[in-house]
């Protein structure tokens, strides 16, 4: 498990981390991240003339790098 995700799981499960289902937790986080990235990608692709589109692309890249998403 990505170290950042492990730390999040510890925060969610506290001292009961072993009881947190690793596959369930990872899938939940993956879905949330994909939704967030999707919102930014939509903005970057559909608001091409908007100055925030470039920043949206930068955010997508930063989020993917931060969480180790390819």
N, C-alpha and C. Protein backbone atom coordinates (compact mmCIF):
# COMPACT_ATOMS: atom_id res chain seq x y z
N UNK A 1 0.86 -1.18 0.00
CA UNK A 1 0.00 0.00 0.00
C UNK A 1 0.90 1.23 0.00
N UNK A 2 0.56 2.21 -0.81
CA UNK A 2 1.25 3.49 -0.83
C UNK A 2 1.34 4.02 0.59
N UNK A 3 2.51 4.51 0.97
CA UNK A 3 2.73 4.99 2.35
C UNK A 3 1.74 6.08 2.74
N UNK A 4 1.42 6.97 1.82
CA UNK A 4 0.46 8.04 2.10
C UNK A 4 -0.92 7.44 2.38
N UNK A 5 -1.32 6.45 1.58
CA UNK A 5 -2.61 5.81 1.80
C UNK A 5 -2.61 5.06 3.13
N UNK A 6 -1.50 4.45 3.48
CA UNK A 6 -1.39 3.75 4.77
C UNK A 6 -1.60 4.74 5.92
N UNK A 7 -1.00 5.91 5.82
CA UNK A 7 -1.17 6.93 6.86
C UNK A 7 -2.62 7.40 6.95
N UNK A 8 -3.28 7.52 5.81
CA UNK A 8 -4.69 7.90 5.81
C UNK A 8 -5.51 6.80 6.48
N UNK A 9 -5.20 5.55 6.16
CA UNK A 9 -5.92 4.43 6.77
C UNK A 9 -5.74 4.43 8.28
N UNK A 10 -4.55 4.76 8.74
CA UNK A 10 -4.32 4.83 10.18
C UNK A 10 -5.17 5.93 10.81
N UNK A 11 -5.32 7.04 10.10
CA UNK A 11 -6.15 8.13 10.61
C UNK A 11 -7.62 7.71 10.65
N UNK A 12 -8.04 6.99 9.64
CA UNK A 12 -9.43 6.55 9.57
C UNK A 12 -9.71 5.46 10.61
N UNK A 13 -8.81 4.48 10.68
CA UNK A 13 -9.02 3.36 11.57
C UNK A 13 -8.40 3.51 12.94
N UNK A 14 -7.61 4.57 13.12
CA UNK A 14 -6.95 4.77 14.40
C UNK A 14 -6.09 3.57 14.76
N UNK A 15 -6.20 3.12 15.96
CA UNK A 15 -5.39 1.99 16.41
C UNK A 15 -5.93 0.67 15.87
N UNK A 16 -7.04 0.72 15.15
CA UNK A 16 -7.65 -0.49 14.61
C UNK A 16 -7.29 -0.70 13.15
N UNK A 17 -6.15 -0.16 12.73
CA UNK A 17 -5.77 -0.25 11.32
C UNK A 17 -5.82 -1.68 10.78
N UNK A 18 -5.35 -2.68 11.54
CA UNK A 18 -5.43 -4.03 10.96
C UNK A 18 -6.85 -4.45 10.61
N UNK A 19 -7.84 -3.82 11.26
CA UNK A 19 -9.23 -4.16 10.97
C UNK A 19 -9.76 -3.46 9.73
N UNK A 20 -9.02 -2.48 9.23
CA UNK A 20 -9.44 -1.79 8.01
C UNK A 20 -9.11 -2.70 6.83
N UNK A 21 -10.11 -3.06 6.05
CA UNK A 21 -9.89 -3.93 4.91
C UNK A 21 -9.04 -3.20 3.88
N UNK A 22 -7.81 -3.67 3.69
CA UNK A 22 -6.89 -3.02 2.77
C UNK A 22 -7.46 -2.88 1.36
N UNK A 23 -7.97 -3.96 0.75
CA UNK A 23 -8.52 -3.81 -0.61
C UNK A 23 -9.70 -2.84 -0.66
N UNK A 24 -10.58 -2.92 0.35
CA UNK A 24 -11.74 -2.03 0.38
C UNK A 24 -11.30 -0.58 0.52
N UNK A 25 -10.37 -0.34 1.43
CA UNK A 25 -9.87 1.02 1.65
C UNK A 25 -9.20 1.56 0.39
N UNK A 26 -8.32 0.77 -0.21
CA UNK A 26 -7.61 1.22 -1.40
C UNK A 26 -8.59 1.51 -2.54
N UNK A 27 -9.60 0.68 -2.71
CA UNK A 27 -10.57 0.90 -3.78
C UNK A 27 -11.38 2.16 -3.53
N UNK A 28 -11.75 2.38 -2.27
CA UNK A 28 -12.50 3.59 -1.92
C UNK A 28 -11.69 4.83 -2.24
N UNK A 29 -10.43 4.84 -1.83
CA UNK A 29 -9.55 5.99 -2.09
C UNK A 29 -9.36 6.17 -3.59
N UNK A 30 -9.18 5.07 -4.30
CA UNK A 30 -8.99 5.15 -5.75
C UNK A 30 -10.20 5.79 -6.42
N UNK A 31 -11.39 5.40 -6.02
CA UNK A 31 -12.61 5.95 -6.62
C UNK A 31 -12.71 7.45 -6.34
N UNK A 32 -12.44 7.85 -5.11
CA UNK A 32 -12.51 9.27 -4.75
C UNK A 32 -11.50 10.07 -5.57
N UNK A 33 -10.28 9.57 -5.66
CA UNK A 33 -9.25 10.28 -6.43
C UNK A 33 -9.62 10.36 -7.91
N UNK A 34 -10.14 9.26 -8.47
CA UNK A 34 -10.54 9.27 -9.88
C UNK A 34 -11.65 10.29 -10.14
N UNK A 35 -12.59 10.40 -9.21
CA UNK A 35 -13.65 11.39 -9.35
C UNK A 35 -13.08 12.81 -9.32
N UNK A 36 -12.19 13.08 -8.38
CA UNK A 36 -11.58 14.41 -8.28
C UNK A 36 -10.78 14.74 -9.53
N UNK A 37 -9.99 13.79 -9.98
CA UNK A 37 -9.19 13.99 -11.19
C UNK A 37 -10.11 14.19 -12.39
N UNK A 38 -11.21 13.44 -12.45
CA UNK A 38 -12.15 13.58 -13.55
C UNK A 38 -12.75 14.97 -13.64
N UNK A 39 -13.08 15.54 -12.49
CA UNK A 39 -13.63 16.90 -12.47
C UNK A 39 -12.60 17.88 -13.04
N UNK A 40 -11.36 17.75 -12.61
CA UNK A 40 -10.32 18.66 -13.10
C UNK A 40 -10.03 18.44 -14.58
N UNK A 41 -10.00 17.18 -15.01
CA UNK A 41 -9.74 16.90 -16.42
C UNK A 41 -10.87 17.45 -17.30
N UNK A 42 -12.10 17.34 -16.85
CA UNK A 42 -13.22 17.90 -17.60
C UNK A 42 -13.04 19.40 -17.76
N UNK A 43 -12.68 20.05 -16.68
CA UNK A 43 -12.49 21.50 -16.72
C UNK A 43 -11.34 21.86 -17.67
N UNK A 44 -10.25 21.12 -17.60
CA UNK A 44 -9.09 21.40 -18.45
C UNK A 44 -9.41 21.19 -19.92
N UNK A 45 -10.23 20.19 -20.23
CA UNK A 45 -10.52 19.86 -21.62
C UNK A 45 -11.65 20.70 -22.22
N UNK A 46 -12.59 21.13 -21.40
CA UNK A 46 -13.77 21.80 -21.93
C UNK A 46 -13.79 23.31 -21.74
N UNK A 47 -12.88 23.80 -20.97
CA UNK A 47 -12.81 25.24 -20.75
C UNK A 47 -11.46 25.76 -21.25
N UNK A 48 -11.13 25.38 -22.47
CA UNK A 48 -9.80 25.66 -23.00
C UNK A 48 -9.43 27.13 -23.00
N UNK A 49 -10.41 28.01 -23.17
CA UNK A 49 -10.09 29.44 -23.20
C UNK A 49 -10.05 30.05 -21.80
N UNK A 50 -10.48 29.30 -20.82
CA UNK A 50 -10.50 29.79 -19.44
C UNK A 50 -9.08 29.68 -18.86
N UNK A 51 -8.58 30.74 -18.24
CA UNK A 51 -7.24 30.69 -17.66
C UNK A 51 -7.08 29.59 -16.60
N UNK A 52 -8.18 29.18 -15.99
CA UNK A 52 -8.07 28.15 -14.95
C UNK A 52 -7.85 26.75 -15.54
N UNK A 53 -8.02 26.58 -16.85
CA UNK A 53 -7.83 25.28 -17.47
C UNK A 53 -6.38 24.81 -17.31
N UNK A 54 -5.43 25.71 -17.48
CA UNK A 54 -4.02 25.35 -17.31
C UNK A 54 -3.76 24.94 -15.87
N UNK A 55 -4.32 25.65 -14.93
CA UNK A 55 -4.14 25.31 -13.53
C UNK A 55 -4.79 23.97 -13.21
N UNK A 56 -5.92 23.67 -13.84
CA UNK A 56 -6.57 22.38 -13.64
C UNK A 56 -5.66 21.25 -14.11
N UNK A 57 -5.01 21.44 -15.26
CA UNK A 57 -4.06 20.43 -15.76
C UNK A 57 -2.91 20.25 -14.79
N UNK A 58 -2.41 21.34 -14.24
CA UNK A 58 -1.32 21.26 -13.26
C UNK A 58 -1.77 20.51 -12.01
N UNK A 59 -3.00 20.74 -11.59
CA UNK A 59 -3.54 20.05 -10.41
C UNK A 59 -3.67 18.55 -10.66
N UNK A 60 -4.13 18.17 -11.84
CA UNK A 60 -4.24 16.75 -12.19
C UNK A 60 -2.87 16.09 -12.06
N UNK A 61 -1.87 16.71 -12.64
CA UNK A 61 -0.52 16.17 -12.59
C UNK A 61 -0.02 16.08 -11.15
N UNK A 62 -0.24 17.12 -10.38
CA UNK A 62 0.22 17.15 -8.99
C UNK A 62 -0.45 16.07 -8.16
N UNK A 63 -1.76 15.90 -8.34
CA UNK A 63 -2.50 14.88 -7.57
C UNK A 63 -2.00 13.47 -7.95
N UNK A 64 -1.84 13.23 -9.23
CA UNK A 64 -1.36 11.92 -9.67
C UNK A 64 0.03 11.63 -9.14
N UNK A 65 0.93 12.60 -9.17
CA UNK A 65 2.27 12.42 -8.64
C UNK A 65 2.24 12.19 -7.14
N UNK A 66 1.45 12.98 -6.44
CA UNK A 66 1.39 12.91 -4.98
C UNK A 66 0.91 11.54 -4.49
N UNK A 67 -0.08 10.98 -5.19
CA UNK A 67 -0.65 9.70 -4.76
C UNK A 67 -0.10 8.51 -5.55
N UNK A 68 0.85 8.75 -6.44
CA UNK A 68 1.47 7.66 -7.19
C UNK A 68 0.54 7.02 -8.20
N UNK A 69 -0.30 7.83 -8.84
CA UNK A 69 -1.25 7.33 -9.84
C UNK A 69 -0.62 7.50 -11.22
N UNK A 70 -0.75 6.48 -12.04
CA UNK A 70 -0.16 6.54 -13.38
C UNK A 70 -1.17 6.98 -14.39
